[in-house]
Amino acid sequence: VTSSLLNLLDFLKDKCECNLLIFNENSELINKIPRKVNIIRHENVLSILGLSQSETKEKSLMLYVFRAFLVILAKFFNGRFARMFLFRLIKKRSEYDLGISYTHDVNWNSLTTGCNQFVTDIVLAKRKVAYVHCDFLRYGGFNSKMIRLYEQFDNIICVSEGCKRSFDTCFPILSNK
């Protein structure tokens, strides 16, 4: 996913203005992003989604406890429900022509990055697009409740024919997107 994102940014950097929000700003990805891409800084609490539990403990005891609370909510309810608490602390993002979620959630009952949910709930954009990099039939994170999430996107881009076949099998109602 990272290599694909870097290739897309390299392609787009001279064609339009690109803003990129990275949940984990300590990532080595930062040094590989093309210079013309504007990296958006986020509220510190959002780093919970880009860090492990032990990494949050190193940053702050408060972040550690809050992340533990969200993990418990995700296990007993679901990741989307847990992220709703986190996203209430984050202000909506500026109006964009296009909002892109470049990665999918790993599992319905885990506290993952929630890129799709972040774009649908926080990013204000005229159009919203989700990228799919996985085989939903085999990767273990498919849940039929995801239909409601993907319905909120204007378009869904599958990175290969295999991804598209799998996506269409899991979400036949969304195959036209």
N, C-alpha and C. Protein backbone atom coordinates (compact mmCIF):
# COMPACT_ATOMS: atom_id res chain seq x y z
N VAL A 1 0.83 -1.19 0.00
CA VAL A 1 0.00 0.00 0.00
C VAL A 1 0.88 1.26 0.00
N THR A 2 1.96 1.23 0.79
CA THR A 2 2.84 2.39 0.89
C THR A 2 3.48 2.72 -0.46
N SER A 3 4.01 1.71 -1.14
CA SER A 3 4.65 1.94 -2.45
C SER A 3 3.64 2.49 -3.45
N SER A 4 2.45 1.93 -3.42
CA SER A 4 1.39 2.39 -4.32
C SER A 4 1.02 3.85 -4.04
N LEU A 5 0.91 4.21 -2.76
CA LEU A 5 0.60 5.59 -2.39
C LEU A 5 1.70 6.54 -2.86
N LEU A 6 2.95 6.17 -2.64
CA LEU A 6 4.07 7.02 -3.06
C LEU A 6 4.07 7.20 -4.58
N ASN A 7 3.76 6.13 -5.33
CA ASN A 7 3.67 6.23 -6.79
C ASN A 7 2.56 7.18 -7.21
N LEU A 8 1.40 7.07 -6.56
CA LEU A 8 0.28 7.96 -6.89
C LEU A 8 0.65 9.41 -6.60
N LEU A 9 1.25 9.68 -5.44
CA LEU A 9 1.64 11.05 -5.09
C LEU A 9 2.67 11.59 -6.06
N ASP A 10 3.60 10.75 -6.48
CA ASP A 10 4.62 11.18 -7.44
C ASP A 10 3.97 11.54 -8.77
N PHE A 11 2.96 10.78 -9.17
CA PHE A 11 2.24 11.05 -10.42
C PHE A 11 1.44 12.35 -10.32
N LEU A 12 0.78 12.58 -9.18
CA LEU A 12 -0.12 13.72 -9.02
C LEU A 12 0.58 15.04 -8.66
N LYS A 13 1.76 14.99 -8.12
CA LYS A 13 2.40 16.17 -7.52
C LYS A 13 2.49 17.37 -8.45
N ASP A 14 2.63 17.16 -9.75
CA ASP A 14 2.73 18.27 -10.70
C ASP A 14 1.41 18.56 -11.40
N LYS A 15 0.39 17.77 -11.13
CA LYS A 15 -0.90 17.93 -11.81
C LYS A 15 -1.94 18.65 -10.96
N CYS A 16 -1.78 18.61 -9.64
CA CYS A 16 -2.75 19.24 -8.76
C CYS A 16 -2.12 19.45 -7.38
N GLU A 17 -2.81 20.21 -6.57
CA GLU A 17 -2.35 20.40 -5.19
C GLU A 17 -2.76 19.18 -4.38
N CYS A 18 -1.81 18.57 -3.69
CA CYS A 18 -2.07 17.37 -2.90
C CYS A 18 -1.77 17.62 -1.43
N ASN A 19 -2.71 17.28 -0.59
CA ASN A 19 -2.52 17.31 0.86
C ASN A 19 -2.59 15.88 1.35
N LEU A 20 -1.73 15.54 2.30
CA LEU A 20 -1.67 14.19 2.83
C LEU A 20 -1.65 14.22 4.34
N LEU A 21 -2.57 13.50 4.95
CA LEU A 21 -2.59 13.37 6.40
C LEU A 21 -2.09 11.97 6.73
N ILE A 22 -1.06 11.91 7.57
CA ILE A 22 -0.50 10.63 8.00
C ILE A 22 -0.80 10.48 9.48
N PHE A 23 -1.39 9.36 9.86
CA PHE A 23 -1.74 9.16 11.26
C PHE A 23 -0.51 9.02 12.15
N ASN A 24 0.56 8.40 11.64
CA ASN A 24 1.79 8.25 12.41
C ASN A 24 2.87 9.11 11.78
N GLU A 25 3.09 10.29 12.33
CA GLU A 25 4.06 11.23 11.76
C GLU A 25 5.51 10.80 12.00
N ASN A 26 5.73 9.79 12.80
CA ASN A 26 7.08 9.28 13.03
C ASN A 26 7.45 8.21 12.01
N SER A 27 6.55 7.94 11.10
CA SER A 27 6.76 6.92 10.09
C SER A 27 7.93 7.30 9.18
N GLU A 28 8.65 6.29 8.71
CA GLU A 28 9.73 6.54 7.76
C GLU A 28 9.18 6.97 6.40
N LEU A 29 7.89 6.83 6.21
CA LEU A 29 7.23 7.27 4.99
C LEU A 29 7.42 8.77 4.75
N ILE A 30 7.50 9.55 5.80
CA ILE A 30 7.62 11.01 5.71
C ILE A 30 8.76 11.43 4.77
N ASN A 31 9.89 10.75 4.86
CA ASN A 31 11.06 11.12 4.07
C ASN A 31 10.93 10.74 2.60
N LYS A 32 9.95 9.92 2.25
CA LYS A 32 9.78 9.45 0.88
C LYS A 32 8.69 10.21 0.12
N ILE A 33 7.95 11.06 0.81
CA ILE A 33 6.85 11.79 0.18
C ILE A 33 7.43 12.91 -0.70
N PRO A 34 6.94 13.04 -1.94
CA PRO A 34 7.45 14.11 -2.82
C PRO A 34 7.31 15.48 -2.15
N ARG A 35 8.28 16.33 -2.38
CA ARG A 35 8.33 17.66 -1.75
C ARG A 35 7.10 18.52 -2.03
N LYS A 36 6.49 18.38 -3.17
CA LYS A 36 5.35 19.22 -3.53
C LYS A 36 4.06 18.80 -2.82
N VAL A 37 4.08 17.69 -2.12
CA VAL A 37 2.90 17.22 -1.39
C VAL A 37 2.90 17.87 -0.01
N ASN A 38 1.81 18.51 0.32
CA ASN A 38 1.66 19.19 1.61
C ASN A 38 1.25 18.16 2.67
N ILE A 39 2.09 17.99 3.68
CA ILE A 39 1.77 17.08 4.77
C ILE A 39 0.99 17.87 5.82
N ILE A 40 -0.21 17.39 6.11
CA ILE A 40 -1.08 18.05 7.08
C ILE A 40 -0.77 17.51 8.47
N ARG A 41 -0.53 18.41 9.40
CA ARG A 41 -0.31 18.02 10.79
C ARG A 41 -1.67 17.79 11.44
N HIS A 42 -1.74 16.84 12.34
CA HIS A 42 -3.02 16.49 12.97
C HIS A 42 -2.97 16.70 14.47
N GLU A 43 -4.13 16.62 15.04
CA GLU A 43 -4.23 16.68 16.49
C GLU A 43 -3.49 15.48 17.08
N ASN A 44 -2.81 15.68 18.20
CA ASN A 44 -2.00 14.64 18.81
C ASN A 44 -2.80 13.37 19.09
N VAL A 45 -4.07 13.51 19.46
CA VAL A 45 -4.88 12.35 19.82
C VAL A 45 -5.09 11.41 18.62
N LEU A 46 -5.03 11.92 17.40
CA LEU A 46 -5.21 11.08 16.22
C LEU A 46 -4.06 10.08 16.07
N SER A 47 -2.92 10.38 16.66
CA SER A 47 -1.78 9.46 16.56
C SER A 47 -2.10 8.10 17.16
N ILE A 48 -3.13 8.01 17.99
CA ILE A 48 -3.55 6.73 18.58
C ILE A 48 -3.76 5.68 17.50
N LEU A 49 -4.26 6.09 16.35
CA LEU A 49 -4.56 5.15 15.28
C LEU A 49 -3.32 4.71 14.51
N GLY A 50 -2.24 5.45 14.62
CA GLY A 50 -1.03 5.10 13.90
C GLY A 50 0.05 4.49 14.77
N LEU A 51 -0.25 4.31 16.05
CA LEU A 51 0.74 3.78 16.99
C LEU A 51 0.22 2.52 17.67
N SER A 52 1.16 1.71 18.13
CA SER A 52 0.79 0.54 18.92
C SER A 52 0.51 0.97 20.35
N GLN A 53 -0.04 0.06 21.14
CA GLN A 53 -0.33 0.38 22.54
C GLN A 53 0.95 0.77 23.28
N SER A 54 2.04 0.04 23.06
CA SER A 54 3.29 0.35 23.76
C SER A 54 3.87 1.69 23.30
N GLU A 55 3.70 2.03 22.03
CA GLU A 55 4.19 3.32 21.53
C GLU A 55 3.42 4.48 22.15
N THR A 56 2.11 4.30 22.39
CA THR A 56 1.34 5.37 23.02
C THR A 56 1.79 5.57 24.47
N LYS A 57 2.18 4.48 25.12
CA LYS A 57 2.65 4.58 26.51
C LYS A 57 3.92 5.43 26.58
N GLU A 58 4.79 5.32 25.58
CA GLU A 58 6.01 6.12 25.53
C GLU A 58 5.70 7.60 25.33
N LYS A 59 4.63 7.89 24.58
CA LYS A 59 4.26 9.29 24.31
C LYS A 59 3.59 9.95 25.50
N SER A 60 2.61 9.26 26.07
CA SER A 60 1.83 9.88 27.14
C SER A 60 0.97 8.83 27.83
N LEU A 61 0.90 8.90 29.14
CA LEU A 61 0.07 7.98 29.91
C LEU A 61 -1.41 8.19 29.57
N MET A 62 -1.80 9.44 29.35
CA MET A 62 -3.19 9.74 29.00
C MET A 62 -3.56 9.11 27.65
N LEU A 63 -2.69 9.23 26.65
CA LEU A 63 -2.94 8.61 25.35
C LEU A 63 -3.02 7.08 25.50
N TYR A 64 -2.16 6.54 26.32
CA TYR A 64 -2.12 5.10 26.56
C TYR A 64 -3.46 4.61 27.14
N VAL A 65 -3.94 5.29 28.14
CA VAL A 65 -5.20 4.90 28.79
C VAL A 65 -6.37 5.08 27.83
N PHE A 66 -6.38 6.19 27.09
CA PHE A 66 -7.47 6.45 26.14
C PHE A 66 -7.48 5.40 25.04
N ARG A 67 -6.30 5.03 24.52
CA ARG A 67 -6.22 4.02 23.48
C ARG A 67 -6.69 2.67 24.02
N ALA A 68 -6.31 2.33 25.25
CA ALA A 68 -6.76 1.08 25.86
C ALA A 68 -8.29 1.05 25.95
N PHE A 69 -8.89 2.16 26.34
CA PHE A 69 -10.35 2.28 26.40
C PHE A 69 -10.96 2.03 25.02
N LEU A 70 -10.37 2.63 23.98
CA LEU A 70 -10.89 2.46 22.62
C LEU A 70 -10.73 1.01 22.14
N VAL A 71 -9.63 0.37 22.50
CA VAL A 71 -9.42 -1.03 22.12
C VAL A 71 -10.50 -1.91 22.74
N ILE A 72 -10.82 -1.65 23.99
CA ILE A 72 -11.88 -2.42 24.67
C ILE A 72 -13.23 -2.20 23.98
N LEU A 73 -13.54 -0.96 23.64
CA LEU A 73 -14.79 -0.69 22.92
C LEU A 73 -14.82 -1.43 21.58
N ALA A 74 -13.69 -1.43 20.89
CA ALA A 74 -13.62 -2.10 19.59
C ALA A 74 -13.86 -3.61 19.73
N LYS A 75 -13.28 -4.19 20.75
CA LYS A 75 -13.44 -5.64 20.96
C LYS A 75 -14.88 -6.01 21.31
N PHE A 76 -15.53 -5.20 22.16
CA PHE A 76 -16.88 -5.53 22.61
C PHE A 76 -17.96 -5.07 21.64
N PHE A 77 -17.71 -4.00 20.91
CA PHE A 77 -18.69 -3.48 19.95
C PHE A 77 -18.11 -3.62 18.55
N ASN A 78 -17.37 -2.61 18.09
CA ASN A 78 -16.64 -2.69 16.83
C ASN A 78 -15.71 -1.47 16.71
N GLY A 79 -14.79 -1.56 15.77
CA GLY A 79 -13.82 -0.49 15.59
C GLY A 79 -14.45 0.83 15.20
N ARG A 80 -15.48 0.78 14.38
CA ARG A 80 -16.16 2.02 13.96
C ARG A 80 -16.75 2.74 15.18
N PHE A 81 -17.38 2.00 16.05
CA PHE A 81 -17.97 2.58 17.26
C PHE A 81 -16.87 3.22 18.12
N ALA A 82 -15.76 2.53 18.28
CA ALA A 82 -14.66 3.05 19.10
C ALA A 82 -14.07 4.33 18.49
N ARG A 83 -13.90 4.33 17.18
CA ARG A 83 -13.33 5.52 16.52
C ARG A 83 -14.27 6.72 16.58
N MET A 84 -15.58 6.49 16.71
CA MET A 84 -16.52 7.61 16.84
C MET A 84 -16.15 8.48 18.05
N PHE A 85 -15.74 7.85 19.14
CA PHE A 85 -15.31 8.61 20.32
C PHE A 85 -14.09 9.46 20.01
N LEU A 86 -13.14 8.85 19.32
CA LEU A 86 -11.91 9.56 18.96
C LEU A 86 -12.21 10.70 17.98
N PHE A 87 -13.00 10.44 16.98
CA PHE A 87 -13.26 11.44 15.94
C PHE A 87 -14.07 12.63 16.45
N ARG A 88 -14.77 12.47 17.55
CA ARG A 88 -15.49 13.60 18.15
C ARG A 88 -14.52 14.66 18.68
N LEU A 89 -13.29 14.26 18.92
CA LEU A 89 -12.27 15.19 19.42
C LEU A 89 -11.53 15.90 18.29
N ILE A 90 -11.84 15.55 17.06
CA ILE A 90 -11.10 16.07 15.91
C ILE A 90 -12.02 16.97 15.09
N LYS A 91 -11.48 18.12 14.71
CA LYS A 91 -12.30 19.04 13.91
C LYS A 91 -12.37 18.56 12.47
N LYS A 92 -13.44 18.91 11.81
CA LYS A 92 -13.63 18.56 10.40
C LYS A 92 -12.51 19.20 9.59
N ARG A 93 -12.09 18.51 8.53
CA ARG A 93 -11.02 18.98 7.66
C ARG A 93 -11.58 19.91 6.59
N SER A 94 -10.76 20.83 6.12
CA SER A 94 -11.14 21.82 5.11
C SER A 94 -11.84 21.19 3.92
N GLU A 95 -12.54 22.02 3.19
CA GLU A 95 -13.25 21.57 1.99
C GLU A 95 -12.24 21.23 0.89
N TYR A 96 -12.36 20.03 0.34
CA TYR A 96 -11.49 19.58 -0.74
C TYR A 96 -12.34 19.22 -1.94
N ASP A 97 -11.73 19.18 -3.10
CA ASP A 97 -12.41 18.69 -4.29
C ASP A 97 -12.58 17.17 -4.21
N LEU A 98 -11.55 16.52 -3.67
CA LEU A 98 -11.57 15.06 -3.60
C LEU A 98 -10.92 14.60 -2.30
N GLY A 99 -11.62 13.73 -1.60
CA GLY A 99 -11.07 13.08 -0.40
C GLY A 99 -10.83 11.62 -0.72
N ILE A 100 -9.63 11.13 -0.46
CA ILE A 100 -9.28 9.75 -0.80
C ILE A 100 -8.89 8.99 0.46
N SER A 101 -9.52 7.84 0.66
CA SER A 101 -9.10 6.90 1.69
C SER A 101 -8.24 5.88 0.97
N TYR A 102 -6.96 5.81 1.37
CA TYR A 102 -6.04 4.99 0.59
C TYR A 102 -5.83 3.59 1.15
N THR A 103 -6.43 3.28 2.28
CA THR A 103 -6.32 1.93 2.82
C THR A 103 -7.59 1.52 3.55
N HIS A 104 -7.83 0.26 3.60
CA HIS A 104 -9.04 -0.27 4.23
C HIS A 104 -8.77 -0.63 5.69
N ASP A 105 -9.82 -0.85 6.43
CA ASP A 105 -9.67 -1.29 7.81
C ASP A 105 -9.32 -2.77 7.82
N VAL A 106 -8.52 -3.16 8.81
CA VAL A 106 -8.02 -4.52 8.87
C VAL A 106 -9.07 -5.49 9.39
N ASN A 107 -9.80 -5.12 10.40
CA ASN A 107 -10.76 -6.04 11.00
C ASN A 107 -11.89 -5.23 11.61
N TRP A 108 -13.08 -5.74 11.56
CA TRP A 108 -14.25 -5.01 12.05
C TRP A 108 -14.18 -4.76 13.55
N ASN A 109 -13.65 -5.71 14.30
CA ASN A 109 -13.61 -5.60 15.77
C ASN A 109 -12.23 -5.23 16.29
N SER A 110 -11.51 -4.38 15.58
CA SER A 110 -10.22 -3.92 16.08
C SER A 110 -10.10 -2.42 15.88
N LEU A 111 -9.21 -1.84 16.64
CA LEU A 111 -8.97 -0.40 16.54
C LEU A 111 -7.87 -0.20 15.51
N THR A 112 -8.26 -0.10 14.25
CA THR A 112 -7.29 0.11 13.18
C THR A 112 -7.32 1.57 12.77
N THR A 113 -6.54 1.89 11.76
CA THR A 113 -6.42 3.29 11.34
C THR A 113 -7.75 3.94 10.99
N GLY A 114 -8.67 3.18 10.44
CA GLY A 114 -9.98 3.75 10.15
C GLY A 114 -9.95 4.82 9.07
N CYS A 115 -9.09 4.63 8.07
CA CYS A 115 -8.98 5.64 7.01
C CYS A 115 -10.30 5.88 6.30
N ASN A 116 -11.03 4.81 6.00
CA ASN A 116 -12.33 4.99 5.34
C ASN A 116 -13.26 5.84 6.20
N GLN A 117 -13.35 5.50 7.46
CA GLN A 117 -14.24 6.24 8.37
C GLN A 117 -13.76 7.68 8.55
N PHE A 118 -12.46 7.89 8.57
CA PHE A 118 -11.94 9.25 8.71
C PHE A 118 -12.38 10.11 7.53
N VAL A 119 -12.27 9.55 6.32
CA VAL A 119 -12.67 10.31 5.13
C VAL A 119 -14.17 10.55 5.12
N THR A 120 -14.97 9.54 5.47
CA THR A 120 -16.42 9.73 5.43
C THR A 120 -16.91 10.67 6.53
N ASP A 121 -16.29 10.62 7.71
CA ASP A 121 -16.81 11.36 8.86
C ASP A 121 -16.13 12.71 9.10
N ILE A 122 -14.88 12.86 8.71
CA ILE A 122 -14.12 14.05 9.09
C ILE A 122 -13.76 14.94 7.89
N VAL A 123 -13.46 14.35 6.76
CA VAL A 123 -13.02 15.12 5.59
C VAL A 123 -14.24 15.70 4.87
N LEU A 124 -14.21 17.00 4.65
CA LEU A 124 -15.26 17.67 3.88
C LEU A 124 -14.77 17.74 2.43
N ALA A 125 -15.41 17.00 1.55
CA ALA A 125 -14.99 16.95 0.15
C ALA A 125 -16.20 16.82 -0.76
N LYS A 126 -16.06 17.38 -1.96
CA LYS A 126 -17.14 17.30 -2.94
C LYS A 126 -17.36 15.86 -3.39
N ARG A 127 -16.27 15.12 -3.51
CA ARG A 127 -16.33 13.70 -3.88
C ARG A 127 -15.41 12.93 -2.97
N LYS A 128 -15.78 11.67 -2.69
CA LYS A 128 -14.96 10.82 -1.82
C LYS A 128 -14.72 9.48 -2.51
N VAL A 129 -13.47 9.03 -2.42
CA VAL A 129 -13.05 7.81 -3.09
C VAL A 129 -12.35 6.90 -2.09
N ALA A 130 -12.60 5.61 -2.20
CA ALA A 130 -11.90 4.62 -1.37
C ALA A 130 -11.08 3.71 -2.28
N TYR A 131 -9.85 3.47 -1.91
CA TYR A 131 -9.00 2.50 -2.60
C TYR A 131 -9.12 1.16 -1.88
N VAL A 132 -9.13 0.08 -2.67
CA VAL A 132 -9.17 -1.27 -2.12
C VAL A 132 -7.92 -2.00 -2.62
N HIS A 133 -7.13 -2.47 -1.66
CA HIS A 133 -5.86 -3.17 -1.97
C HIS A 133 -5.90 -4.63 -1.57
N CYS A 134 -7.04 -5.13 -1.15
CA CYS A 134 -7.07 -6.49 -0.59
C CYS A 134 -8.09 -7.37 -1.29
N ASP A 135 -7.97 -8.64 -1.01
CA ASP A 135 -8.94 -9.64 -1.44
C ASP A 135 -9.91 -9.83 -0.27
N PHE A 136 -11.05 -9.18 -0.33
CA PHE A 136 -12.00 -9.23 0.78
C PHE A 136 -12.46 -10.65 1.11
N LEU A 137 -12.43 -11.54 0.15
CA LEU A 137 -12.86 -12.91 0.40
C LEU A 137 -11.87 -13.67 1.27
N ARG A 138 -10.59 -13.28 1.23
CA ARG A 138 -9.56 -14.07 1.89
C ARG A 138 -8.82 -13.38 3.03
N TYR A 139 -8.90 -12.09 3.16
CA TYR A 139 -8.02 -11.44 4.13
C TYR A 139 -8.51 -11.49 5.57
N GLY A 140 -9.74 -11.89 5.80
CA GLY A 140 -10.21 -12.12 7.15
C GLY A 140 -10.89 -10.94 7.82
N GLY A 141 -10.99 -9.82 7.18
CA GLY A 141 -11.61 -8.66 7.80
C GLY A 141 -12.96 -8.28 7.24
N PHE A 142 -13.45 -9.06 6.28
CA PHE A 142 -14.73 -8.72 5.66
C PHE A 142 -15.87 -8.89 6.65
N ASN A 143 -16.77 -7.94 6.60
CA ASN A 143 -17.98 -8.00 7.40
C ASN A 143 -19.06 -7.32 6.56
N SER A 144 -20.23 -7.91 6.50
CA SER A 144 -21.30 -7.35 5.66
C SER A 144 -21.70 -5.94 6.10
N LYS A 145 -21.40 -5.57 7.36
CA LYS A 145 -21.71 -4.22 7.82
C LYS A 145 -20.89 -3.16 7.10
N MET A 146 -19.82 -3.57 6.45
CA MET A 146 -18.98 -2.62 5.72
C MET A 146 -19.71 -2.00 4.53
N ILE A 147 -20.79 -2.63 4.11
CA ILE A 147 -21.55 -2.10 2.98
C ILE A 147 -21.96 -0.66 3.27
N ARG A 148 -22.45 -0.40 4.48
CA ARG A 148 -22.88 0.96 4.84
C ARG A 148 -21.73 1.96 4.74
N LEU A 149 -20.54 1.52 5.09
CA LEU A 149 -19.38 2.39 5.01
C LEU A 149 -19.03 2.69 3.55
N TYR A 150 -18.92 1.65 2.73
CA TYR A 150 -18.54 1.85 1.33
C TYR A 150 -19.64 2.56 0.52
N GLU A 151 -20.88 2.48 0.96
CA GLU A 151 -21.96 3.20 0.28
C GLU A 151 -21.74 4.71 0.33
N GLN A 152 -21.01 5.18 1.32
CA GLN A 152 -20.80 6.62 1.50
C GLN A 152 -19.77 7.20 0.52
N PHE A 153 -19.07 6.35 -0.23
CA PHE A 153 -18.09 6.81 -1.19
C PHE A 153 -18.72 6.97 -2.56
N ASP A 154 -18.26 7.98 -3.30
CA ASP A 154 -18.75 8.19 -4.66
C ASP A 154 -18.18 7.14 -5.61
N ASN A 155 -16.91 6.80 -5.38
CA ASN A 155 -16.24 5.81 -6.22
C ASN A 155 -15.36 4.92 -5.35
N ILE A 156 -15.15 3.71 -5.84
CA ILE A 156 -14.27 2.75 -5.17
C ILE A 156 -13.29 2.25 -6.23
N ILE A 157 -12.01 2.40 -5.93
CA ILE A 157 -10.97 2.00 -6.87
C ILE A 157 -10.30 0.74 -6.35
N CYS A 158 -10.41 -0.33 -7.12
CA CYS A 158 -9.73 -1.57 -6.79
C CYS A 158 -8.42 -1.60 -7.56
N VAL A 159 -7.33 -1.94 -6.89
CA VAL A 159 -6.01 -1.82 -7.51
C VAL A 159 -5.67 -2.94 -8.48
N SER A 160 -6.51 -3.96 -8.56
CA SER A 160 -6.28 -5.04 -9.52
C SER A 160 -7.61 -5.68 -9.87
N GLU A 161 -7.60 -6.46 -10.93
CA GLU A 161 -8.81 -7.18 -11.34
C GLU A 161 -9.22 -8.19 -10.26
N GLY A 162 -8.24 -8.83 -9.63
CA GLY A 162 -8.53 -9.78 -8.56
C GLY A 162 -9.22 -9.11 -7.38
N CYS A 163 -8.73 -7.92 -7.02
CA CYS A 163 -9.36 -7.16 -5.93
C CYS A 163 -10.80 -6.81 -6.31
N LYS A 164 -11.01 -6.42 -7.57
CA LYS A 164 -12.35 -6.04 -8.00
C LYS A 164 -13.30 -7.23 -7.98
N ARG A 165 -12.85 -8.38 -8.46
CA ARG A 165 -13.72 -9.57 -8.43
C ARG A 165 -14.12 -9.91 -7.00
N SER A 166 -13.15 -9.88 -6.10
CA SER A 166 -13.42 -10.18 -4.70
C SER A 166 -14.36 -9.16 -4.09
N PHE A 167 -14.10 -7.87 -4.36
CA PHE A 167 -14.95 -6.80 -3.84
C PHE A 167 -16.38 -6.96 -4.35
N ASP A 168 -16.52 -7.21 -5.66
CA ASP A 168 -17.86 -7.37 -6.25
C ASP A 168 -18.60 -8.57 -5.69
N THR A 169 -17.87 -9.61 -5.34
CA THR A 169 -18.50 -10.80 -4.74
C THR A 169 -19.02 -10.45 -3.33
N CYS A 170 -18.22 -9.72 -2.57
CA CYS A 170 -18.61 -9.36 -1.20
C CYS A 170 -19.65 -8.25 -1.18
N PHE A 171 -19.54 -7.31 -2.11
CA PHE A 171 -20.42 -6.13 -2.13
C PHE A 171 -21.07 -5.98 -3.52
N PRO A 172 -21.89 -6.94 -3.95
CA PRO A 172 -22.45 -6.85 -5.31
C PRO A 172 -23.25 -5.57 -5.54
N ILE A 173 -23.88 -5.07 -4.51
CA ILE A 173 -24.70 -3.86 -4.63
C ILE A 173 -23.85 -2.62 -4.95
N LEU A 174 -22.55 -2.70 -4.70
CA LEU A 174 -21.66 -1.56 -4.90
C LEU A 174 -20.78 -1.69 -6.14
N SER A 175 -20.99 -2.72 -6.94
CA SER A 175 -20.11 -2.97 -8.08
C SER A 175 -20.12 -1.85 -9.12
N ASN A 176 -21.18 -1.05 -9.14
CA ASN A 176 -21.24 0.06 -10.10
C ASN A 176 -20.37 1.25 -9.69
N LYS A 177 -19.89 1.25 -8.43
CA LYS A 177 -19.06 2.37 -7.97
C LYS A 177 -17.62 2.18 -8.36
